[in-house]
């Protein structure tokens, strides 16, 4: 008897919770939400904003560019696999991002046209960093790469034999990144 009452109370609470959540969502939409843009997959990267455009990747195998004011798609770029880069990089009119199939892409920020792509032997999930004509990033193939932004050709790489589990940060001519062996590395890039 008590169990039946508890079950009824749980059902009532569940219905109330659903109703409260629905009301809260509607309130949020009415008061706060400026726009919403839907893809056909889970968003797989955080957005990056540059020159009035929001750039992000999705498991729908597209990299998207959306107008920041209207939420309207400016363009989308088709990839073979889903986009993995946590934060895309935008520099000098080019967007850089990595994918599950091991490519780092360079795409024109205005048109969405591919400039080049660079192949690694593992997924590229790191946030690319751009400095002085070079894009720096890591791959799950245990390499850290430096690639020329104009040609897409490799300038150099470091093989660690360990998964490079972090995105690079650059300061004063030194690039910093971590790996699965618990080591933070500092590499001079001047």
N, C-alpha and C. Protein backbone atom coordinates (compact mmCIF):
# COMPACT_ATOMS: atom_id res chain seq x y z
N UNK A 1 0.82 -1.19 0.00
CA UNK A 1 0.00 0.00 0.00
C UNK A 1 0.87 1.26 0.00
N UNK A 2 1.85 1.30 0.89
CA UNK A 2 2.75 2.46 0.97
C UNK A 2 3.56 2.57 -0.31
N UNK A 3 4.00 1.44 -0.85
CA UNK A 3 4.78 1.45 -2.09
C UNK A 3 3.96 2.01 -3.25
N UNK A 4 2.66 1.67 -3.30
CA UNK A 4 1.80 2.20 -4.36
C UNK A 4 1.70 3.72 -4.24
N UNK A 5 1.54 4.22 -3.02
CA UNK A 5 1.45 5.67 -2.81
C UNK A 5 2.75 6.35 -3.21
N UNK A 6 3.85 5.74 -2.86
CA UNK A 6 5.16 6.30 -3.23
C UNK A 6 5.29 6.33 -4.74
N UNK A 7 4.88 5.26 -5.43
CA UNK A 7 4.95 5.22 -6.89
C UNK A 7 4.08 6.31 -7.51
N UNK A 8 2.87 6.55 -6.94
CA UNK A 8 1.99 7.60 -7.44
C UNK A 8 2.63 8.97 -7.24
N UNK A 9 3.23 9.17 -6.08
CA UNK A 9 3.89 10.45 -5.78
C UNK A 9 5.05 10.67 -6.75
N UNK A 10 5.82 9.62 -7.02
CA UNK A 10 6.95 9.73 -7.95
C UNK A 10 6.44 10.10 -9.35
N UNK A 11 5.33 9.50 -9.80
CA UNK A 11 4.76 9.82 -11.10
C UNK A 11 4.32 11.28 -11.16
N UNK A 12 3.66 11.76 -10.08
CA UNK A 12 3.20 13.14 -10.03
C UNK A 12 4.40 14.09 -10.07
N UNK A 13 5.42 13.78 -9.29
CA UNK A 13 6.64 14.61 -9.27
C UNK A 13 7.30 14.61 -10.64
N UNK A 14 7.35 13.45 -11.28
CA UNK A 14 7.94 13.36 -12.62
C UNK A 14 7.20 14.22 -13.62
N UNK A 15 5.85 14.19 -13.56
CA UNK A 15 5.05 15.02 -14.47
C UNK A 15 5.27 16.50 -14.18
N UNK A 16 5.29 16.86 -12.90
CA UNK A 16 5.52 18.26 -12.52
C UNK A 16 6.89 18.73 -12.99
N UNK A 17 7.90 17.87 -12.80
CA UNK A 17 9.26 18.22 -13.23
C UNK A 17 9.30 18.47 -14.73
N UNK A 18 8.65 17.61 -15.50
CA UNK A 18 8.61 17.76 -16.95
C UNK A 18 7.90 19.06 -17.33
N UNK A 19 6.78 19.35 -16.65
CA UNK A 19 6.05 20.58 -16.93
C UNK A 19 6.88 21.81 -16.57
N UNK A 20 7.56 21.78 -15.43
CA UNK A 20 8.39 22.89 -15.00
C UNK A 20 9.54 23.09 -15.99
N UNK A 21 10.16 22.00 -16.42
CA UNK A 21 11.25 22.11 -17.40
C UNK A 21 10.76 22.71 -18.70
N UNK A 22 9.57 22.29 -19.17
CA UNK A 22 9.02 22.81 -20.41
C UNK A 22 8.73 24.31 -20.29
N UNK A 23 8.17 24.72 -19.16
CA UNK A 23 7.89 26.14 -18.92
C UNK A 23 9.20 26.93 -18.88
N UNK A 24 10.18 26.40 -18.17
CA UNK A 24 11.48 27.08 -18.07
C UNK A 24 12.13 27.23 -19.44
N UNK A 25 12.03 26.20 -20.28
CA UNK A 25 12.60 26.27 -21.63
C UNK A 25 11.89 27.34 -22.45
N UNK A 26 10.57 27.38 -22.36
CA UNK A 26 9.81 28.40 -23.09
C UNK A 26 10.16 29.80 -22.60
N UNK A 27 10.30 29.97 -21.28
CA UNK A 27 10.71 31.27 -20.73
C UNK A 27 12.08 31.67 -21.23
N UNK A 28 13.00 30.71 -21.23
CA UNK A 28 14.35 30.98 -21.72
C UNK A 28 14.30 31.43 -23.17
N UNK A 29 13.56 30.71 -23.98
CA UNK A 29 13.46 31.06 -25.40
C UNK A 29 12.87 32.45 -25.58
N UNK A 30 11.84 32.76 -24.79
CA UNK A 30 11.15 34.05 -24.93
C UNK A 30 12.03 35.22 -24.46
N UNK A 31 12.83 35.00 -23.45
CA UNK A 31 13.58 36.11 -22.86
C UNK A 31 15.04 36.19 -23.26
N UNK A 32 15.68 35.09 -23.47
CA UNK A 32 17.13 35.08 -23.62
C UNK A 32 17.63 34.67 -24.99
N UNK A 33 17.04 33.66 -25.56
CA UNK A 33 17.59 33.08 -26.79
C UNK A 33 17.42 34.03 -27.97
N UNK A 34 18.53 34.36 -28.59
CA UNK A 34 18.51 35.25 -29.75
C UNK A 34 18.15 34.47 -31.02
N UNK A 35 18.73 33.29 -31.18
CA UNK A 35 18.45 32.40 -32.29
C UNK A 35 18.98 31.02 -31.97
N UNK A 36 18.61 30.04 -32.76
CA UNK A 36 19.12 28.67 -32.62
C UNK A 36 19.39 28.13 -34.02
N UNK A 37 20.48 27.42 -34.15
CA UNK A 37 20.84 26.81 -35.42
C UNK A 37 21.00 25.31 -35.18
N UNK A 38 20.28 24.51 -35.92
CA UNK A 38 20.32 23.06 -35.72
C UNK A 38 21.13 22.38 -36.82
N UNK A 39 21.93 21.41 -36.40
CA UNK A 39 22.65 20.56 -37.34
C UNK A 39 22.00 19.18 -37.29
N UNK A 40 22.48 18.28 -38.11
CA UNK A 40 21.93 16.93 -38.12
C UNK A 40 22.77 15.98 -37.29
N UNK A 41 23.55 16.55 -36.36
CA UNK A 41 24.39 15.74 -35.49
C UNK A 41 24.76 16.51 -34.25
N UNK A 42 25.36 15.81 -33.32
CA UNK A 42 25.85 16.42 -32.08
C UNK A 42 26.94 17.42 -32.41
N UNK A 43 26.96 18.55 -31.72
CA UNK A 43 28.06 19.49 -31.93
C UNK A 43 29.32 18.90 -31.32
N UNK A 44 30.38 18.86 -32.10
CA UNK A 44 31.61 18.20 -31.67
C UNK A 44 32.75 19.17 -31.41
N UNK A 45 32.48 20.46 -31.57
CA UNK A 45 33.49 21.45 -31.23
C UNK A 45 32.81 22.64 -30.58
N UNK A 46 33.55 23.34 -29.78
CA UNK A 46 33.05 24.60 -29.22
C UNK A 46 33.09 25.64 -30.33
N UNK A 47 32.23 26.63 -30.26
CA UNK A 47 32.24 27.65 -31.30
C UNK A 47 33.43 28.60 -31.17
N UNK A 48 33.86 29.11 -32.31
CA UNK A 48 34.84 30.18 -32.39
C UNK A 48 34.18 31.32 -33.15
N UNK A 49 34.33 32.54 -32.66
CA UNK A 49 33.70 33.70 -33.30
C UNK A 49 34.78 34.59 -33.88
N UNK A 50 34.57 35.01 -35.13
CA UNK A 50 35.50 35.92 -35.79
C UNK A 50 34.75 36.70 -36.86
N UNK A 51 34.92 38.03 -36.85
CA UNK A 51 34.33 38.91 -37.87
C UNK A 51 32.85 38.66 -38.11
N UNK A 52 32.08 38.51 -37.04
CA UNK A 52 30.64 38.36 -37.15
C UNK A 52 30.15 37.00 -37.58
N UNK A 53 31.03 35.99 -37.51
CA UNK A 53 30.66 34.62 -37.90
C UNK A 53 31.02 33.66 -36.77
N UNK A 54 30.13 32.71 -36.52
CA UNK A 54 30.38 31.64 -35.55
C UNK A 54 30.77 30.39 -36.34
N UNK A 55 31.92 29.81 -36.02
CA UNK A 55 32.42 28.61 -36.70
C UNK A 55 32.40 27.44 -35.71
N UNK A 56 31.93 26.27 -36.17
CA UNK A 56 31.91 25.10 -35.30
C UNK A 56 31.74 23.83 -36.13
N UNK A 57 32.09 22.71 -35.51
CA UNK A 57 31.98 21.43 -36.17
C UNK A 57 30.87 20.59 -35.57
N UNK A 58 30.45 19.57 -36.34
CA UNK A 58 29.35 18.72 -35.92
C UNK A 58 29.62 17.27 -36.34
N UNK A 59 28.93 16.37 -35.65
CA UNK A 59 29.00 14.95 -36.01
C UNK A 59 28.20 14.68 -37.28
N UNK A 60 27.58 15.71 -37.84
CA UNK A 60 26.88 15.54 -39.12
C UNK A 60 27.86 15.56 -40.30
N UNK A 61 29.16 15.54 -39.97
CA UNK A 61 30.24 15.52 -40.95
C UNK A 61 30.32 16.82 -41.75
N UNK A 62 30.01 17.92 -41.05
CA UNK A 62 30.12 19.24 -41.64
C UNK A 62 30.78 20.20 -40.66
N UNK A 63 31.47 21.16 -41.23
CA UNK A 63 31.97 22.30 -40.47
C UNK A 63 31.10 23.47 -40.88
N UNK A 64 30.53 24.19 -39.91
CA UNK A 64 29.53 25.21 -40.19
C UNK A 64 30.04 26.62 -39.92
N UNK A 65 29.53 27.57 -40.72
CA UNK A 65 29.75 29.00 -40.51
C UNK A 65 28.37 29.65 -40.45
N UNK A 66 28.08 30.33 -39.32
CA UNK A 66 26.75 30.89 -39.09
C UNK A 66 26.89 32.37 -38.75
N UNK A 67 26.02 33.20 -39.33
CA UNK A 67 26.01 34.63 -39.04
C UNK A 67 25.67 34.87 -37.58
N UNK A 68 26.49 35.63 -36.87
CA UNK A 68 26.32 35.82 -35.44
C UNK A 68 25.06 36.62 -35.09
N UNK A 69 24.60 37.47 -35.98
CA UNK A 69 23.41 38.29 -35.70
C UNK A 69 22.11 37.57 -36.01
N UNK A 70 22.08 36.83 -37.11
CA UNK A 70 20.82 36.23 -37.57
C UNK A 70 20.69 34.74 -37.30
N UNK A 71 21.80 34.05 -37.10
CA UNK A 71 21.77 32.60 -36.95
C UNK A 71 21.59 31.87 -38.26
N UNK A 72 21.73 32.59 -39.37
CA UNK A 72 21.59 31.97 -40.69
C UNK A 72 22.93 31.39 -41.14
N UNK A 73 22.86 30.23 -41.76
CA UNK A 73 24.07 29.59 -42.25
C UNK A 73 24.67 30.40 -43.40
N UNK A 74 25.97 30.67 -43.29
CA UNK A 74 26.69 31.35 -44.36
C UNK A 74 27.23 30.31 -45.35
N UNK A 75 27.76 29.21 -44.80
CA UNK A 75 28.23 28.09 -45.60
C UNK A 75 28.46 26.89 -44.69
N UNK A 76 28.60 25.72 -45.30
CA UNK A 76 29.02 24.53 -44.57
C UNK A 76 29.98 23.75 -45.45
N UNK A 77 30.94 23.12 -44.79
CA UNK A 77 31.99 22.39 -45.49
C UNK A 77 31.85 20.92 -45.13
N UNK A 78 31.76 20.06 -46.13
CA UNK A 78 31.58 18.62 -45.94
C UNK A 78 32.92 17.95 -45.66
N UNK A 79 32.94 17.11 -44.62
CA UNK A 79 34.11 16.29 -44.30
C UNK A 79 33.71 14.82 -44.40
N UNK A 80 34.70 13.95 -44.47
CA UNK A 80 34.40 12.51 -44.58
C UNK A 80 33.95 11.94 -43.22
N UNK A 81 34.55 12.46 -42.16
CA UNK A 81 34.21 12.04 -40.80
C UNK A 81 33.89 13.28 -39.98
N UNK A 82 33.52 13.09 -38.72
CA UNK A 82 33.12 14.23 -37.90
C UNK A 82 34.30 15.09 -37.48
N UNK A 83 33.98 16.36 -37.27
CA UNK A 83 34.97 17.37 -36.87
C UNK A 83 35.31 17.15 -35.40
N UNK A 84 36.61 17.15 -35.07
CA UNK A 84 37.04 16.87 -33.70
C UNK A 84 37.65 18.06 -32.98
N UNK A 85 38.23 19.00 -33.67
CA UNK A 85 38.91 20.12 -32.99
C UNK A 85 37.99 20.78 -31.99
N UNK A 86 38.47 20.86 -30.75
CA UNK A 86 37.66 21.44 -29.70
C UNK A 86 37.32 22.90 -30.00
N UNK A 87 38.29 23.68 -30.40
CA UNK A 87 38.08 25.05 -30.84
C UNK A 87 38.77 25.22 -32.18
N UNK A 88 38.05 25.59 -33.22
CA UNK A 88 38.70 25.91 -34.49
C UNK A 88 39.52 27.19 -34.33
N UNK A 89 40.53 27.37 -35.16
CA UNK A 89 41.33 28.59 -35.17
C UNK A 89 40.98 29.39 -36.42
N UNK A 90 40.91 30.72 -36.27
CA UNK A 90 40.69 31.59 -37.41
C UNK A 90 41.83 32.59 -37.44
N UNK A 91 42.50 32.68 -38.59
CA UNK A 91 43.63 33.60 -38.73
C UNK A 91 43.75 34.04 -40.18
N UNK A 92 43.83 35.36 -40.39
CA UNK A 92 44.02 35.92 -41.73
C UNK A 92 43.04 35.37 -42.77
N UNK A 93 41.77 35.25 -42.38
CA UNK A 93 40.74 34.82 -43.32
C UNK A 93 40.69 33.34 -43.59
N UNK A 94 41.34 32.54 -42.75
CA UNK A 94 41.34 31.08 -42.91
C UNK A 94 40.93 30.43 -41.59
N UNK A 95 40.08 29.40 -41.68
CA UNK A 95 39.66 28.62 -40.52
C UNK A 95 40.40 27.29 -40.55
N UNK A 96 40.95 26.89 -39.39
CA UNK A 96 41.70 25.63 -39.28
C UNK A 96 40.98 24.72 -38.28
N UNK A 97 40.78 23.46 -38.66
CA UNK A 97 40.14 22.50 -37.77
C UNK A 97 40.55 21.09 -38.15
N UNK A 98 40.45 20.17 -37.18
CA UNK A 98 40.83 18.78 -37.41
C UNK A 98 39.63 17.86 -37.40
N UNK A 99 39.82 16.66 -37.99
CA UNK A 99 38.74 15.69 -38.10
C UNK A 99 39.17 14.31 -37.58
N UNK A 100 38.17 13.48 -37.40
CA UNK A 100 38.37 12.13 -36.88
C UNK A 100 39.25 11.29 -37.78
N UNK A 101 39.22 11.54 -39.08
CA UNK A 101 39.99 10.72 -40.01
C UNK A 101 41.43 11.20 -40.19
N UNK A 102 41.88 12.12 -39.34
CA UNK A 102 43.30 12.48 -39.32
C UNK A 102 43.71 13.67 -40.16
N UNK A 103 42.76 14.48 -40.60
CA UNK A 103 43.11 15.65 -41.40
C UNK A 103 43.03 16.93 -40.59
N UNK A 104 43.93 17.85 -40.90
CA UNK A 104 43.80 19.24 -40.49
C UNK A 104 43.41 19.98 -41.76
N UNK A 105 42.29 20.69 -41.70
CA UNK A 105 41.79 21.44 -42.86
C UNK A 105 42.08 22.92 -42.71
N UNK A 106 42.33 23.57 -43.84
CA UNK A 106 42.41 25.02 -43.94
C UNK A 106 41.32 25.42 -44.93
N UNK A 107 40.35 26.22 -44.45
CA UNK A 107 39.19 26.57 -45.25
C UNK A 107 39.03 28.09 -45.27
N UNK A 108 38.72 28.65 -46.42
CA UNK A 108 38.50 30.08 -46.54
C UNK A 108 37.33 30.49 -45.63
N UNK A 109 37.57 31.45 -44.74
CA UNK A 109 36.56 31.83 -43.74
C UNK A 109 35.33 32.49 -44.36
N UNK A 110 35.47 33.12 -45.51
CA UNK A 110 34.32 33.79 -46.15
C UNK A 110 33.52 32.87 -47.05
N UNK A 111 34.21 31.98 -47.77
CA UNK A 111 33.52 31.17 -48.79
C UNK A 111 33.29 29.71 -48.40
N UNK A 112 34.08 29.22 -47.45
CA UNK A 112 33.99 27.80 -47.09
C UNK A 112 34.70 26.88 -48.07
N UNK A 113 35.49 27.45 -48.95
CA UNK A 113 36.24 26.64 -49.93
C UNK A 113 37.55 26.15 -49.30
N UNK A 114 37.87 24.89 -49.55
CA UNK A 114 39.10 24.30 -49.02
C UNK A 114 40.32 24.94 -49.67
N UNK A 115 41.28 25.34 -48.82
CA UNK A 115 42.57 25.84 -49.32
C UNK A 115 43.55 24.68 -49.43
N UNK A 116 43.58 23.84 -48.38
CA UNK A 116 44.40 22.64 -48.37
C UNK A 116 43.97 21.75 -47.20
N UNK A 117 44.48 20.51 -47.20
CA UNK A 117 44.29 19.63 -46.05
C UNK A 117 45.59 18.87 -45.84
N UNK A 118 45.89 18.59 -44.57
CA UNK A 118 47.14 17.92 -44.19
C UNK A 118 46.77 16.63 -43.49
N UNK A 119 47.32 15.51 -43.95
CA UNK A 119 46.99 14.19 -43.43
C UNK A 119 47.97 13.74 -42.34
N UNK A 120 47.41 13.30 -41.21
CA UNK A 120 48.20 12.64 -40.16
C UNK A 120 47.73 11.19 -40.10
N UNK A 121 48.31 10.41 -39.20
CA UNK A 121 47.93 9.00 -39.09
C UNK A 121 46.99 8.75 -37.91
N UNK A 122 46.46 9.83 -37.32
CA UNK A 122 45.53 9.70 -36.20
C UNK A 122 44.54 10.85 -36.21
N UNK A 123 43.50 10.74 -35.41
CA UNK A 123 42.50 11.81 -35.32
C UNK A 123 43.14 13.11 -34.86
N UNK A 124 42.62 14.23 -35.36
CA UNK A 124 43.11 15.55 -34.97
C UNK A 124 42.03 16.23 -34.14
N UNK A 125 42.23 16.21 -32.82
CA UNK A 125 41.25 16.79 -31.91
C UNK A 125 41.72 18.04 -31.21
N UNK A 126 42.98 18.39 -31.38
CA UNK A 126 43.49 19.56 -30.67
C UNK A 126 43.02 20.86 -31.30
N UNK A 127 43.12 21.93 -30.54
CA UNK A 127 42.80 23.27 -31.05
C UNK A 127 44.04 23.78 -31.77
N UNK A 128 43.97 24.01 -33.06
CA UNK A 128 45.14 24.53 -33.76
C UNK A 128 45.48 25.94 -33.27
N UNK A 129 46.75 26.27 -33.30
CA UNK A 129 47.22 27.61 -32.96
C UNK A 129 48.04 28.12 -34.13
N UNK A 130 47.84 29.39 -34.50
CA UNK A 130 48.52 29.96 -35.65
C UNK A 130 49.40 31.11 -35.20
N UNK A 131 50.66 31.10 -35.67
CA UNK A 131 51.59 32.18 -35.36
C UNK A 131 52.63 32.27 -36.47
N UNK A 132 52.83 33.47 -36.98
CA UNK A 132 53.88 33.75 -37.96
C UNK A 132 53.89 32.79 -39.15
N UNK A 133 52.71 32.55 -39.71
CA UNK A 133 52.63 31.73 -40.92
C UNK A 133 52.72 30.23 -40.70
N UNK A 134 52.59 29.80 -39.45
CA UNK A 134 52.65 28.36 -39.13
C UNK A 134 51.45 28.00 -38.25
N UNK A 135 50.82 26.86 -38.56
CA UNK A 135 49.76 26.34 -37.71
C UNK A 135 50.33 25.15 -36.93
N UNK A 136 50.12 25.18 -35.61
CA UNK A 136 50.64 24.15 -34.70
C UNK A 136 49.47 23.35 -34.17
N UNK A 137 49.62 22.02 -34.12
CA UNK A 137 48.55 21.16 -33.62
C UNK A 137 49.11 19.78 -33.33
N UNK A 138 48.34 18.98 -32.60
CA UNK A 138 48.74 17.61 -32.33
C UNK A 138 47.72 16.65 -32.93
N UNK A 139 48.16 15.39 -33.03
CA UNK A 139 47.32 14.33 -33.57
C UNK A 139 47.43 13.12 -32.64
N UNK A 140 46.41 12.28 -32.69
CA UNK A 140 46.45 11.06 -31.90
C UNK A 140 47.40 10.03 -32.49
N UNK A 141 48.21 10.42 -33.46
CA UNK A 141 49.26 9.54 -33.98
C UNK A 141 50.57 9.75 -33.20
N UNK A 142 50.49 10.46 -32.07
CA UNK A 142 51.62 10.71 -31.17
C UNK A 142 52.61 11.74 -31.71
N UNK A 143 52.16 12.58 -32.64
CA UNK A 143 53.01 13.61 -33.22
C UNK A 143 52.47 15.01 -32.92
N UNK A 144 53.39 15.94 -32.80
CA UNK A 144 53.06 17.35 -32.74
C UNK A 144 53.57 17.97 -34.04
N UNK A 145 52.72 18.73 -34.72
CA UNK A 145 53.04 19.22 -36.06
C UNK A 145 53.14 20.74 -36.15
N UNK A 146 53.99 21.18 -37.07
CA UNK A 146 54.07 22.57 -37.51
C UNK A 146 53.90 22.55 -39.02
N UNK A 147 52.85 23.23 -39.52
CA UNK A 147 52.51 23.19 -40.94
C UNK A 147 52.43 24.62 -41.48
N UNK A 148 52.98 24.83 -42.66
CA UNK A 148 52.95 26.14 -43.31
C UNK A 148 51.51 26.50 -43.67
N UNK A 149 51.04 27.70 -43.26
CA UNK A 149 49.65 28.07 -43.49
C UNK A 149 49.32 28.34 -44.96
N UNK A 150 50.30 28.70 -45.76
CA UNK A 150 50.04 28.99 -47.17
C UNK A 150 50.01 27.73 -48.02
N UNK A 151 50.93 26.81 -47.77
CA UNK A 151 51.07 25.64 -48.64
C UNK A 151 50.43 24.37 -48.08
N UNK A 152 50.27 24.30 -46.75
CA UNK A 152 49.79 23.07 -46.13
C UNK A 152 50.86 22.00 -46.04
N UNK A 153 52.11 22.40 -46.26
CA UNK A 153 53.23 21.46 -46.19
C UNK A 153 53.82 21.46 -44.78
N UNK A 154 54.24 20.28 -44.36
CA UNK A 154 54.85 20.13 -43.03
C UNK A 154 56.19 20.85 -42.96
N UNK A 155 56.36 21.64 -41.90
CA UNK A 155 57.65 22.29 -41.65
C UNK A 155 58.50 21.39 -40.74
N UNK A 156 57.87 20.85 -39.71
CA UNK A 156 58.54 19.90 -38.82
C UNK A 156 57.49 19.18 -37.98
N UNK A 157 57.92 18.09 -37.33
CA UNK A 157 57.06 17.40 -36.36
C UNK A 157 57.92 16.78 -35.29
N UNK A 158 57.30 16.51 -34.17
CA UNK A 158 57.96 15.82 -33.06
C UNK A 158 57.15 14.57 -32.76
N UNK A 159 57.83 13.42 -32.79
CA UNK A 159 57.15 12.18 -32.41
C UNK A 159 57.50 11.87 -30.96
N UNK A 160 56.45 11.66 -30.14
CA UNK A 160 56.69 11.41 -28.72
C UNK A 160 56.55 9.96 -28.33
N UNK A 161 55.84 9.17 -29.11
CA UNK A 161 55.59 7.80 -28.70
C UNK A 161 54.49 7.71 -27.65
N UNK A 162 53.92 8.86 -27.29
CA UNK A 162 52.82 8.95 -26.32
C UNK A 162 51.74 9.82 -26.94
N UNK A 163 50.50 9.56 -26.59
CA UNK A 163 49.40 10.38 -27.08
C UNK A 163 49.56 11.81 -26.58
N UNK A 164 49.43 12.74 -27.49
CA UNK A 164 49.47 14.16 -27.11
C UNK A 164 48.03 14.56 -26.82
N UNK A 165 47.76 14.74 -25.54
CA UNK A 165 46.38 14.85 -25.08
C UNK A 165 45.90 16.27 -24.87
N UNK A 166 46.69 17.25 -25.21
CA UNK A 166 46.25 18.63 -25.00
C UNK A 166 46.44 19.46 -26.25
N UNK A 167 45.81 20.61 -26.25
CA UNK A 167 45.98 21.56 -27.33
C UNK A 167 47.16 22.46 -27.01
N UNK A 168 47.85 22.96 -28.04
CA UNK A 168 49.01 23.81 -27.78
C UNK A 168 48.62 25.23 -27.37
N UNK A 169 49.53 25.84 -26.64
CA UNK A 169 49.46 27.26 -26.30
C UNK A 169 50.82 27.85 -26.64
N UNK A 170 50.80 29.04 -27.24
CA UNK A 170 52.06 29.68 -27.65
C UNK A 170 52.25 30.97 -26.88
N UNK A 171 53.47 31.16 -26.37
CA UNK A 171 53.81 32.40 -25.68
C UNK A 171 55.30 32.68 -25.86
N UNK A 172 55.60 33.88 -26.33
CA UNK A 172 56.98 34.35 -26.45
C UNK A 172 57.90 33.37 -27.18
N UNK A 173 57.44 32.85 -28.30
CA UNK A 173 58.26 31.97 -29.11
C UNK A 173 58.40 30.55 -28.61
N UNK A 174 57.56 30.17 -27.66
CA UNK A 174 57.59 28.80 -27.12
C UNK A 174 56.18 28.22 -27.22
N UNK A 175 56.08 26.97 -27.71
CA UNK A 175 54.80 26.28 -27.75
C UNK A 175 54.78 25.26 -26.61
N UNK A 176 53.67 25.24 -25.86
CA UNK A 176 53.51 24.34 -24.71
C UNK A 176 52.39 23.36 -25.02
N UNK A 177 52.61 22.08 -24.68
CA UNK A 177 51.57 21.07 -24.85
C UNK A 177 51.85 19.90 -23.92
N UNK A 178 50.80 19.17 -23.57
CA UNK A 178 50.92 18.02 -22.67
C UNK A 178 50.68 16.72 -23.39
N UNK A 179 51.11 15.62 -22.75
CA UNK A 179 50.92 14.30 -23.35
C UNK A 179 50.47 13.31 -22.29
N UNK A 180 50.10 12.12 -22.75
CA UNK A 180 49.53 11.11 -21.85
C UNK A 180 50.54 10.52 -20.86
N UNK A 181 51.81 10.85 -21.02
CA UNK A 181 52.79 10.38 -20.05
C UNK A 181 52.90 11.32 -18.85
N UNK A 182 51.99 12.31 -18.77
CA UNK A 182 51.98 13.23 -17.64
C UNK A 182 52.99 14.34 -17.75
N UNK A 183 53.51 14.57 -18.92
CA UNK A 183 54.58 15.54 -19.12
C UNK A 183 54.07 16.76 -19.89
N UNK A 184 54.38 17.95 -19.39
CA UNK A 184 54.14 19.19 -20.11
C UNK A 184 55.45 19.53 -20.81
N UNK A 185 55.36 19.81 -22.09
CA UNK A 185 56.57 20.11 -22.87
C UNK A 185 56.56 21.55 -23.34
N UNK A 186 57.73 22.14 -23.43
CA UNK A 186 57.93 23.49 -23.97
C UNK A 186 58.92 23.36 -25.11
N UNK A 187 58.49 23.79 -26.32
CA UNK A 187 59.33 23.66 -27.50
C UNK A 187 59.56 25.05 -28.09
N UNK A 188 60.84 25.40 -28.29
CA UNK A 188 61.19 26.67 -28.86
C UNK A 188 60.83 26.68 -30.35
N UNK A 189 60.07 27.69 -30.80
CA UNK A 189 59.68 27.71 -32.21
C UNK A 189 60.25 28.91 -32.95
N UNK A 190 61.14 29.66 -32.34
CA UNK A 190 61.74 30.81 -33.02
C UNK A 190 62.79 30.37 -34.00
